[in-house]
Amino acid sequence: MCCRYLVSGRVQGVFFRASTARQANRLGVTGWARNLPDGRVEVLASGEREALERFSAWLRRGPPAARVDELIAEPLPPERCADLDGFVTL
């Protein structure tokens, strides 16, 4: 399963991407996270359905210093995530 997330709120400058990578690694999710110029964080993630559900639930909360106001999730075709290996921050 492959999904793109857009996370809005206080999500830059609060170790959101690093915390996201740690959580993804715990759950066996591969992909990446990057800051966007508009203050949001974009995440591309691939994994088993249950792992992505748990990952999505975590993204809705984020790390302690973050404040997530909105999470948009967009399922993507599996081939979009075919080359992902591990989880990195960009």
PDB file of N, CA and C in Angstrom:
ATOM      1  N   MET A   1       0.844  -1.173   0.000  1.00  0.00           N
ATOM      2  CA  MET A   1       0.000   0.000   0.000  1.00  0.00           C
ATOM      3  C   MET A   1       0.893   1.241   0.000  1.00  0.00           C
ATOM      4  N   CYS A   2       0.461   2.278  -0.691  1.00  0.00           N
ATOM      5  CA  CYS A   2       1.245   3.498  -0.836  1.00  0.00           C
ATOM      6  C   CYS A   2       0.331   4.700  -0.571  1.00  0.00           C
ATOM      7  N   CYS A   3       0.853   5.696   0.157  1.00  0.00           N
ATOM      8  CA  CYS A   3       0.030   6.849   0.490  1.00  0.00           C
ATOM      9  C   CYS A   3       0.891   8.103   0.589  1.00  0.00           C
ATOM     10  N   ARG A   4       0.306   9.217   0.185  1.00  0.00           N
ATOM     11  CA  ARG A   4       0.930  10.535   0.331  1.00  0.00           C
ATOM     12  C   ARG A   4       0.146  11.295   1.395  1.00  0.00           C
ATOM     13  N   TYR A   5       0.875  11.907   2.324  1.00  0.00           N
ATOM     14  CA  TYR A   5       0.257  12.678   3.399  1.00  0.00           C
ATOM     15  C   TYR A   5       0.738  14.114   3.338  1.00  0.00           C
ATOM     16  N   LEU A   6      -0.148  15.034   3.630  1.00  0.00           N
ATOM     17  CA  LEU A   6       0.197  16.434   3.829  1.00  0.00           C
ATOM     18  C   LEU A   6      -0.215  16.792   5.247  1.00  0.00           C
ATOM     19  N   VAL A   7       0.749  17.232   6.039  1.00  0.00           N
ATOM     20  CA  VAL A   7       0.515  17.514   7.453  1.00  0.00           C
ATOM     21  C   VAL A   7       0.649  19.016   7.672  1.00  0.00           C
ATOM     22  N   SER A   8      -0.398  19.636   8.226  1.00  0.00           N
ATOM     23  CA  SER A   8      -0.427  21.077   8.476  1.00  0.00           C
ATOM     24  C   SER A   8      -0.459  21.356   9.973  1.00  0.00           C
ATOM     25  N   GLY A   9       0.039  22.507  10.338  1.00  0.00           N
ATOM     26  CA  GLY A   9       0.051  22.934  11.736  1.00  0.00           C
ATOM     27  C   GLY A   9       1.448  23.395  12.102  1.00  0.00           C
ATOM     28  N   ARG A  10       1.807  23.231  13.358  1.00  0.00           N
ATOM     29  CA  ARG A  10       3.184  23.542  13.779  1.00  0.00           C
ATOM     30  C   ARG A  10       3.987  22.256  13.594  1.00  0.00           C
ATOM     31  N   VAL A  11       4.485  22.063  12.378  1.00  0.00           N
ATOM     32  CA  VAL A  11       5.142  20.799  12.030  1.00  0.00           C
ATOM     33  C   VAL A  11       6.556  21.004  11.469  1.00  0.00           C
ATOM     34  N   GLN A  12       7.021  22.238  11.424  1.00  0.00           N
ATOM     35  CA  GLN A  12       8.404  22.500  11.024  1.00  0.00           C
ATOM     36  C   GLN A  12       9.130  23.123  12.206  1.00  0.00           C
ATOM     37  N   GLY A  13      10.374  22.700  12.394  1.00  0.00           N
ATOM     38  CA  GLY A  13      11.170  23.218  13.506  1.00  0.00           C
ATOM     39  C   GLY A  13      10.876  22.549  14.829  1.00  0.00           C
ATOM     40  N   VAL A  14      10.177  21.418  14.798  1.00  0.00           N
ATOM     41  CA  VAL A  14       9.820  20.699  16.030  1.00  0.00           C
ATOM     42  C   VAL A  14      10.219  19.221  15.943  1.00  0.00           C
ATOM     43  N   PHE A  15      11.194  18.912  15.088  1.00  0.00           N
ATOM     44  CA  PHE A  15      11.694  17.543  14.885  1.00  0.00           C
ATOM     45  C   PHE A  15      10.624  16.605  14.339  1.00  0.00           C
ATOM     46  N   PHE A  16       9.678  17.172  13.582  1.00  0.00           N
ATOM     47  CA  PHE A  16       8.595  16.352  13.032  1.00  0.00           C
ATOM     48  C   PHE A  16       9.128  15.302  12.060  1.00  0.00           C
ATOM     49  N   ARG A  17       9.999  15.697  11.132  1.00  0.00           N
ATOM     50  CA  ARG A  17      10.494  14.740  10.135  1.00  0.00           C
ATOM     51  C   ARG A  17      11.337  13.647  10.771  1.00  0.00           C
ATOM     52  N   ALA A  18      12.214  14.008  11.704  1.00  0.00           N
ATOM     53  CA  ALA A  18      13.046  13.004  12.375  1.00  0.00           C
ATOM     54  C   ALA A  18      12.182  12.044  13.192  1.00  0.00           C
ATOM     55  N   SER A  19      11.200  12.574  13.881  1.00  0.00           N
ATOM     56  CA  SER A  19      10.290  11.721  14.664  1.00  0.00           C
ATOM     57  C   SER A  19       9.465  10.832  13.750  1.00  0.00           C
ATOM     58  N   THR A  20       9.068  11.366  12.597  1.00  0.00           N
ATOM     59  CA  THR A  20       8.314  10.579  11.620  1.00  0.00           C
ATOM     60  C   THR A  20       9.152   9.416  11.116  1.00  0.00           C
ATOM     61  N   ALA A  21      10.428   9.668  10.842  1.00  0.00           N
ATOM     62  CA  ALA A  21      11.321   8.599  10.376  1.00  0.00           C
ATOM     63  C   ALA A  21      11.472   7.515  11.441  1.00  0.00           C
ATOM     64  N   ARG A  22      11.630   7.910  12.696  1.00  0.00           N
ATOM     65  CA  ARG A  22      11.747   6.910  13.769  1.00  0.00           C
ATOM     66  C   ARG A  22      10.482   6.068  13.880  1.00  0.00           C
ATOM     67  N   GLN A  23       9.328   6.717  13.819  1.00  0.00           N
ATOM     68  CA  GLN A  23       8.057   5.994  13.917  1.00  0.00           C
ATOM     69  C   GLN A  23       7.885   5.055  12.720  1.00  0.00           C
ATOM     70  N   ALA A  24       8.215   5.525  11.528  1.00  0.00           N
ATOM     71  CA  ALA A  24       8.110   4.695  10.329  1.00  0.00           C
ATOM     72  C   ALA A  24       8.994   3.454  10.459  1.00  0.00           C
ATOM     73  N   ASN A  25      10.219   3.644  10.927  1.00  0.00           N
ATOM     74  CA  ASN A  25      11.124   2.504  11.089  1.00  0.00           C
ATOM     75  C   ASN A  25      10.589   1.499  12.101  1.00  0.00           C
ATOM     76  N   ARG A  26       9.981   1.984  13.173  1.00  0.00           N
ATOM     77  CA  ARG A  26       9.377   1.080  14.167  1.00  0.00           C
ATOM     78  C   ARG A  26       8.267   0.235  13.553  1.00  0.00           C
ATOM     79  N   LEU A  27       7.524   0.829  12.629  1.00  0.00           N
ATOM     80  CA  LEU A  27       6.364   0.158  12.040  1.00  0.00           C
ATOM     81  C   LEU A  27       6.690  -0.602  10.754  1.00  0.00           C
ATOM     82  N   GLY A  28       7.917  -0.497  10.264  1.00  0.00           N
ATOM     83  CA  GLY A  28       8.278  -1.162   9.019  1.00  0.00           C
ATOM     84  C   GLY A  28       7.756  -0.442   7.792  1.00  0.00           C
ATOM     85  N   VAL A  29       7.577   0.873   7.906  1.00  0.00           N
ATOM     86  CA  VAL A  29       7.090   1.695   6.800  1.00  0.00           C
ATOM     87  C   VAL A  29       8.296   2.313   6.092  1.00  0.00           C
ATOM     88  N   THR A  30       8.287   2.308   4.764  1.00  0.00           N
ATOM     89  CA  THR A  30       9.347   2.941   3.992  1.00  0.00           C
ATOM     90  C   THR A  30       8.832   4.234   3.384  1.00  0.00           C
ATOM     91  N   GLY A  31       9.752   5.124   3.000  1.00  0.00           N
ATOM     92  CA  GLY A  31       9.339   6.356   2.350  1.00  0.00           C
ATOM     93  C   GLY A  31      10.217   7.518   2.697  1.00  0.00           C
ATOM     94  N   TRP A  32       9.636   8.720   2.679  1.00  0.00           N
ATOM     95  CA  TRP A  32      10.378   9.930   2.996  1.00  0.00           C
ATOM     96  C   TRP A  32       9.443  11.001   3.534  1.00  0.00           C
ATOM     97  N   ALA A  33      10.055  12.002   4.176  1.00  0.00           N
ATOM     98  CA  ALA A  33       9.326  13.176   4.674  1.00  0.00           C
ATOM     99  C   ALA A  33      10.144  14.405   4.327  1.00  0.00           C
ATOM    100  N   ARG A  34       9.463  15.477   3.896  1.00  0.00           N
ATOM    101  CA  ARG A  34      10.164  16.714   3.574  1.00  0.00           C
ATOM    102  C   ARG A  34       9.306  17.922   3.943  1.00  0.00           C
ATOM    103  N   ASN A  35       9.996  19.007   4.288  1.00  0.00           N
ATOM    104  CA  ASN A  35       9.327  20.275   4.550  1.00  0.00           C
ATOM    105  C   ASN A  35       8.919  20.900   3.230  1.00  0.00           C
ATOM    106  N   LEU A  36       7.755  21.533   3.210  1.00  0.00           N
ATOM    107  CA  LEU A  36       7.294  22.277   2.051  1.00  0.00           C
ATOM    108  C   LEU A  36       7.429  23.777   2.327  1.00  0.00           C
ATOM    109  N   PRO A  37       7.585  24.587   1.294  1.00  0.00           N
ATOM    110  CA  PRO A  37       7.740  26.039   1.494  1.00  0.00           C
ATOM    111  C   PRO A  37       6.562  26.693   2.208  1.00  0.00           C
ATOM    112  N   ASP A  38       5.376  26.095   2.133  1.00  0.00           N
ATOM    113  CA  ASP A  38       4.193  26.691   2.760  1.00  0.00           C
ATOM    114  C   ASP A  38       4.030  26.326   4.241  1.00  0.00           C
ATOM    115  N   GLY A  39       5.034  25.637   4.823  1.00  0.00           N
ATOM    116  CA  GLY A  39       4.986  25.304   6.245  1.00  0.00           C
ATOM    117  C   GLY A  39       4.465  23.910   6.550  1.00  0.00           C
ATOM    118  N   ARG A  40       3.960  23.215   5.558  1.00  0.00           N
ATOM    119  CA  ARG A  40       3.489  21.849   5.771  1.00  0.00           C
ATOM    120  C   ARG A  40       4.640  20.861   5.630  1.00  0.00           C
ATOM    121  N   VAL A  41       4.368  19.614   6.025  1.00  0.00           N
ATOM    122  CA  VAL A  41       5.294  18.511   5.794  1.00  0.00           C
ATOM    123  C   VAL A  41       4.593  17.531   4.867  1.00  0.00           C
ATOM    124  N   GLU A  42       5.315  17.101   3.834  1.00  0.00           N
ATOM    125  CA  GLU A  42       4.809  16.088   2.903  1.00  0.00           C
ATOM    126  C   GLU A  42       5.492  14.775   3.236  1.00  0.00           C
ATOM    127  N   VAL A  43       4.701  13.697   3.268  1.00  0.00           N
ATOM    128  CA  VAL A  43       5.211  12.361   3.576  1.00  0.00           C
ATOM    129  C   VAL A  43       4.724  11.405   2.500  1.00  0.00           C
ATOM    130  N   LEU A  44       5.630  10.604   1.963  1.00  0.00           N
ATOM    131  CA  LEU A  44       5.277   9.520   1.055  1.00  0.00           C
ATOM    132  C   LEU A  44       5.638   8.242   1.781  1.00  0.00           C
ATOM    133  N   ALA A  45       4.682   7.336   1.925  1.00  0.00           N
ATOM    134  CA  ALA A  45       4.914   6.143   2.738  1.00  0.00           C
ATOM    135  C   ALA A  45       4.352   4.903   2.078  1.00  0.00           C
ATOM    136  N   SER A  46       5.040   3.788   2.317  1.00  0.00           N
ATOM    137  CA  SER A  46       4.631   2.506   1.780  1.00  0.00           C
ATOM    138  C   SER A  46       4.754   1.451   2.868  1.00  0.00           C
ATOM    139  N   GLY A  47       3.796   0.539   2.903  1.00  0.00           N
ATOM    140  CA  GLY A  47       3.835  -0.544   3.889  1.00  0.00           C
ATOM    141  C   GLY A  47       2.556  -1.345   3.868  1.00  0.00           C
ATOM    142  N   GLU A  48       2.471  -2.280   4.782  1.00  0.00           N
ATOM    143  CA  GLU A  48       1.257  -3.077   4.943  1.00  0.00           C
ATOM    144  C   GLU A  48       0.132  -2.170   5.438  1.00  0.00           C
ATOM    145  N   ARG A  49      -1.099  -2.527   5.102  1.00  0.00           N
ATOM    146  CA  ARG A  49      -2.254  -1.705   5.456  1.00  0.00           C
ATOM    147  C   ARG A  49      -2.290  -1.363   6.949  1.00  0.00           C
ATOM    148  N   GLU A  50      -2.111  -2.346   7.809  1.00  0.00           N
ATOM    149  CA  GLU A  50      -2.175  -2.112   9.257  1.00  0.00           C
ATOM    150  C   GLU A  50      -1.060  -1.162   9.712  1.00  0.00           C
ATOM    151  N   ALA A  51       0.132  -1.335   9.155  1.00  0.00           N
ATOM    152  CA  ALA A  51       1.247  -0.460   9.518  1.00  0.00           C
ATOM    153  C   ALA A  51       0.955   0.981   9.092  1.00  0.00           C
ATOM    154  N   LEU A  52       0.397   1.162   7.902  1.00  0.00           N
ATOM    155  CA  LEU A  52       0.075   2.517   7.438  1.00  0.00           C
ATOM    156  C   LEU A  52      -1.067   3.127   8.241  1.00  0.00           C
ATOM    157  N   GLU A  53      -2.008   2.309   8.689  1.00  0.00           N
ATOM    158  CA  GLU A  53      -3.080   2.833   9.545  1.00  0.00           C
ATOM    159  C   GLU A  53      -2.503   3.348  10.858  1.00  0.00           C
ATOM    160  N   ARG A  54      -1.580   2.596  11.454  1.00  0.00           N
ATOM    161  CA  ARG A  54      -0.942   3.026  12.699  1.00  0.00           C
ATOM    162  C   ARG A  54      -0.069   4.257  12.461  1.00  0.00           C
ATOM    163  N   PHE A  55       0.628   4.270  11.332  1.00  0.00           N
ATOM    164  CA  PHE A  55       1.471   5.409  10.963  1.00  0.00           C
ATOM    165  C   PHE A  55       0.617   6.664  10.778  1.00  0.00           C
ATOM    166  N   SER A  56      -0.498   6.537  10.081  1.00  0.00           N
ATOM    167  CA  SER A  56      -1.412   7.655   9.860  1.00  0.00           C
ATOM    168  C   SER A  56      -1.944   8.187  11.186  1.00  0.00           C
ATOM    169  N   ALA A  57      -2.297   7.286  12.094  1.00  0.00           N
ATOM    170  CA  ALA A  57      -2.783   7.707  13.416  1.00  0.00           C
ATOM    171  C   ALA A  57      -1.693   8.490  14.150  1.00  0.00           C
ATOM    172  N   TRP A  58      -0.448   8.050  14.026  1.00  0.00           N
ATOM    173  CA  TRP A  58       0.649   8.775  14.658  1.00  0.00           C
ATOM    174  C   TRP A  58       0.822  10.153  14.011  1.00  0.00           C
ATOM    175  N   LEU A  59       0.748  10.224  12.676  1.00  0.00           N
ATOM    176  CA  LEU A  59       0.890  11.511  11.984  1.00  0.00           C
ATOM    177  C   LEU A  59      -0.174  12.511  12.439  1.00  0.00           C
ATOM    178  N   ARG A  60      -1.362  12.039  12.788  1.00  0.00           N
ATOM    179  CA  ARG A  60      -2.423  12.937  13.256  1.00  0.00           C
ATOM    180  C   ARG A  60      -2.051  13.616  14.577  1.00  0.00           C
ATOM    181  N   ARG A  61      -1.180  12.968  15.362  1.00  0.00           N
ATOM    182  CA  ARG A  61      -0.729  13.532  16.645  1.00  0.00           C
ATOM    183  C   ARG A  61       0.635  14.195  16.509  1.00  0.00           C
ATOM    184  N   GLY A  62       1.562  13.521  15.838  1.00  0.00           N
ATOM    185  CA  GLY A  62       2.925  14.005  15.702  1.00  0.00           C
ATOM    186  C   GLY A  62       3.699  13.888  17.000  1.00  0.00           C
ATOM    187  N   PRO A  63       4.933  14.381  17.012  1.00  0.00           N
ATOM    188  CA  PRO A  63       5.748  14.348  18.222  1.00  0.00           C
ATOM    189  C   PRO A  63       5.238  15.377  19.237  1.00  0.00           C
ATOM    190  N   PRO A  64       5.710  15.300  20.478  1.00  0.00           N
ATOM    191  CA  PRO A  64       5.190  16.180  21.535  1.00  0.00           C
ATOM    192  C   PRO A  64       5.235  17.673  21.238  1.00  0.00           C
ATOM    193  N   ALA A  65       6.271  18.172  20.588  1.00  0.00           N
ATOM    194  CA  ALA A  65       6.387  19.620  20.352  1.00  0.00           C
ATOM    195  C   ALA A  65       5.531  20.108  19.182  1.00  0.00           C
ATOM    196  N   ALA A  66       4.981  19.187  18.405  1.00  0.00           N
ATOM    197  CA  ALA A  66       4.194  19.558  17.223  1.00  0.00           C
ATOM    198  C   ALA A  66       2.732  19.803  17.591  1.00  0.00           C
ATOM    199  N   ARG A  67       2.060  20.487  16.680  1.00  0.00           N
ATOM    200  CA  ARG A  67       0.608  20.632  16.760  1.00  0.00           C
ATOM    201  C   ARG A  67       0.086  20.372  15.348  1.00  0.00           C
ATOM    202  N   VAL A  68      -0.608  19.252  15.180  1.00  0.00           N
ATOM    203  CA  VAL A  68      -1.152  18.897  13.869  1.00  0.00           C
ATOM    204  C   VAL A  68      -2.572  19.437  13.779  1.00  0.00           C
ATOM    205  N   ASP A  69      -2.791  20.334  12.825  1.00  0.00           N
ATOM    206  CA  ASP A  69      -4.117  20.905  12.605  1.00  0.00           C
ATOM    207  C   ASP A  69      -4.899  20.133  11.553  1.00  0.00           C
ATOM    208  N   GLU A  70      -4.190  19.569  10.577  1.00  0.00           N
ATOM    209  CA  GLU A  70      -4.865  18.851   9.495  1.00  0.00           C
ATOM    210  C   GLU A  70      -3.932  17.809   8.909  1.00  0.00           C
ATOM    211  N   LEU A  71      -4.495  16.648   8.595  1.00  0.00           N
ATOM    212  CA  LEU A  71      -3.775  15.593   7.897  1.00  0.00           C
ATOM    213  C   LEU A  71      -4.600  15.194   6.685  1.00  0.00           C
ATOM    214  N   ILE A  72      -4.020  15.357   5.516  1.00  0.00           N
ATOM    215  CA  ILE A  72      -4.662  14.925   4.279  1.00  0.00           C
ATOM    216  C   ILE A  72      -3.932  13.679   3.811  1.00  0.00           C
ATOM    217  N   ALA A  73      -4.671  12.604   3.579  1.00  0.00           N
ATOM    218  CA  ALA A  73      -4.094  11.345   3.109  1.00  0.00           C
ATOM    219  C   ALA A  73      -4.628  11.044   1.717  1.00  0.00           C
ATOM    220  N   GLU A  74      -3.729  10.707   0.817  1.00  0.00           N
ATOM    221  CA  GLU A  74      -4.082  10.411  -0.566  1.00  0.00           C
ATOM    222  C   GLU A  74      -3.475   9.060  -0.957  1.00  0.00           C
ATOM    223  N   PRO A  75      -4.307   8.024  -1.128  1.00  0.00           N
ATOM    224  CA  PRO A  75      -3.769   6.740  -1.586  1.00  0.00           C
ATOM    225  C   PRO A  75      -3.173   6.898  -2.987  1.00  0.00           C
ATOM    226  N   LEU A  76      -2.073   6.212  -3.215  1.00  0.00           N
ATOM    227  CA  LEU A  76      -1.396   6.265  -4.503  1.00  0.00           C
ATOM    228  C   LEU A  76      -1.242   4.854  -5.065  1.00  0.00           C
ATOM    229  N   PRO A  77      -1.044   4.730  -6.372  1.00  0.00           N
ATOM    230  CA  PRO A  77      -0.802   3.411  -6.945  1.00  0.00           C
ATOM    231  C   PRO A  77       0.499   2.828  -6.382  1.00  0.00           C
ATOM    232  N   PRO A  78       0.538   1.535  -6.127  1.00  0.00           N
ATOM    233  CA  PRO A  78       1.727   0.906  -5.532  1.00  0.00           C
ATOM    234  C   PRO A  78       3.015   1.175  -6.299  1.00  0.00           C
ATOM    235  N   GLU A  79       2.942   1.294  -7.614  1.00  0.00           N
ATOM    236  CA  GLU A  79       4.167   1.520  -8.385  1.00  0.00           C
ATOM    237  C   GLU A  79       4.819   2.867  -8.048  1.00  0.00           C
ATOM    238  N   ARG A  80       4.057   3.797  -7.518  1.00  0.00           N
ATOM    239  CA  ARG A  80       4.612   5.103  -7.119  1.00  0.00           C
ATOM    240  C   ARG A  80       5.608   4.950  -5.967  1.00  0.00           C
ATOM    241  N   CYS A  81       5.451   3.877  -5.190  1.00  0.00           N
ATOM    242  CA  CYS A  81       6.318   3.643  -4.031  1.00  0.00           C
ATOM    243  C   CYS A  81       7.253   2.453  -4.232  1.00  0.00           C
ATOM    244  N   ALA A  82       7.340   1.952  -5.431  1.00  0.00           N
ATOM    245  CA  ALA A  82       8.086   0.716  -5.701  1.00  0.00           C
ATOM    246  C   ALA A  82       9.563   0.804  -5.346  1.00  0.00           C
ATOM    247  N   ASP A  83      10.186   1.955  -5.492  1.00  0.00           N
ATOM    248  CA  ASP A  83      11.623   2.065  -5.281  1.00  0.00           C
ATOM    249  C   ASP A  83      12.020   2.532  -3.884  1.00  0.00           C
ATOM    250  N   LEU A  84      11.070   2.638  -2.978  1.00  0.00           N
ATOM    251  CA  LEU A  84      11.379   3.123  -1.641  1.00  0.00           C
ATOM    252  C   LEU A  84      12.112   2.054  -0.843  1.00  0.00           C
ATOM    253  N   ASP A  85      13.182   2.482  -0.177  1.00  0.00           N
ATOM    254  CA  ASP A  85      13.987   1.565   0.617  1.00  0.00           C
ATOM    255  C   ASP A  85      14.346   2.277   1.916  1.00  0.00           C
ATOM    256  N   GLY A  86      13.762   1.852   3.021  1.00  0.00           N
ATOM    257  CA  GLY A  86      13.982   2.536   4.279  1.00  0.00           C
ATOM    258  C   GLY A  86      13.124   3.783   4.358  1.00  0.00           C
ATOM    259  N   PHE A  87      13.408   4.655   5.324  1.00  0.00           N
ATOM    260  CA  PHE A  87      12.678   5.902   5.469  1.00  0.00           C
ATOM    261  C   PHE A  87      13.698   7.008   5.687  1.00  0.00           C
ATOM    262  N   VAL A  88      13.603   8.066   4.890  1.00  0.00           N
ATOM    263  CA  VAL A  88      14.567   9.156   4.970  1.00  0.00           C
ATOM    264  C   VAL A  88      13.842  10.492   5.119  1.00  0.00           C
ATOM    265  N   THR A  89      14.572  11.485   5.607  1.00  0.00           N
ATOM    266  CA  THR A  89      14.053  12.842   5.622  1.00  0.00           C
ATOM    267  C   THR A  89      14.793  13.627   4.558  1.00  0.00           C
ATOM    268  N   LEU A  90      14.053  14.439   3.841  1.00  0.00           N
ATOM    269  CA  LEU A  90      14.636  15.235   2.755  1.00  0.00           C
ATOM    270  C   LEU A  90      14.655  16.699   3.137  1.00  0.00           C
TER     271      LEU A  90
END
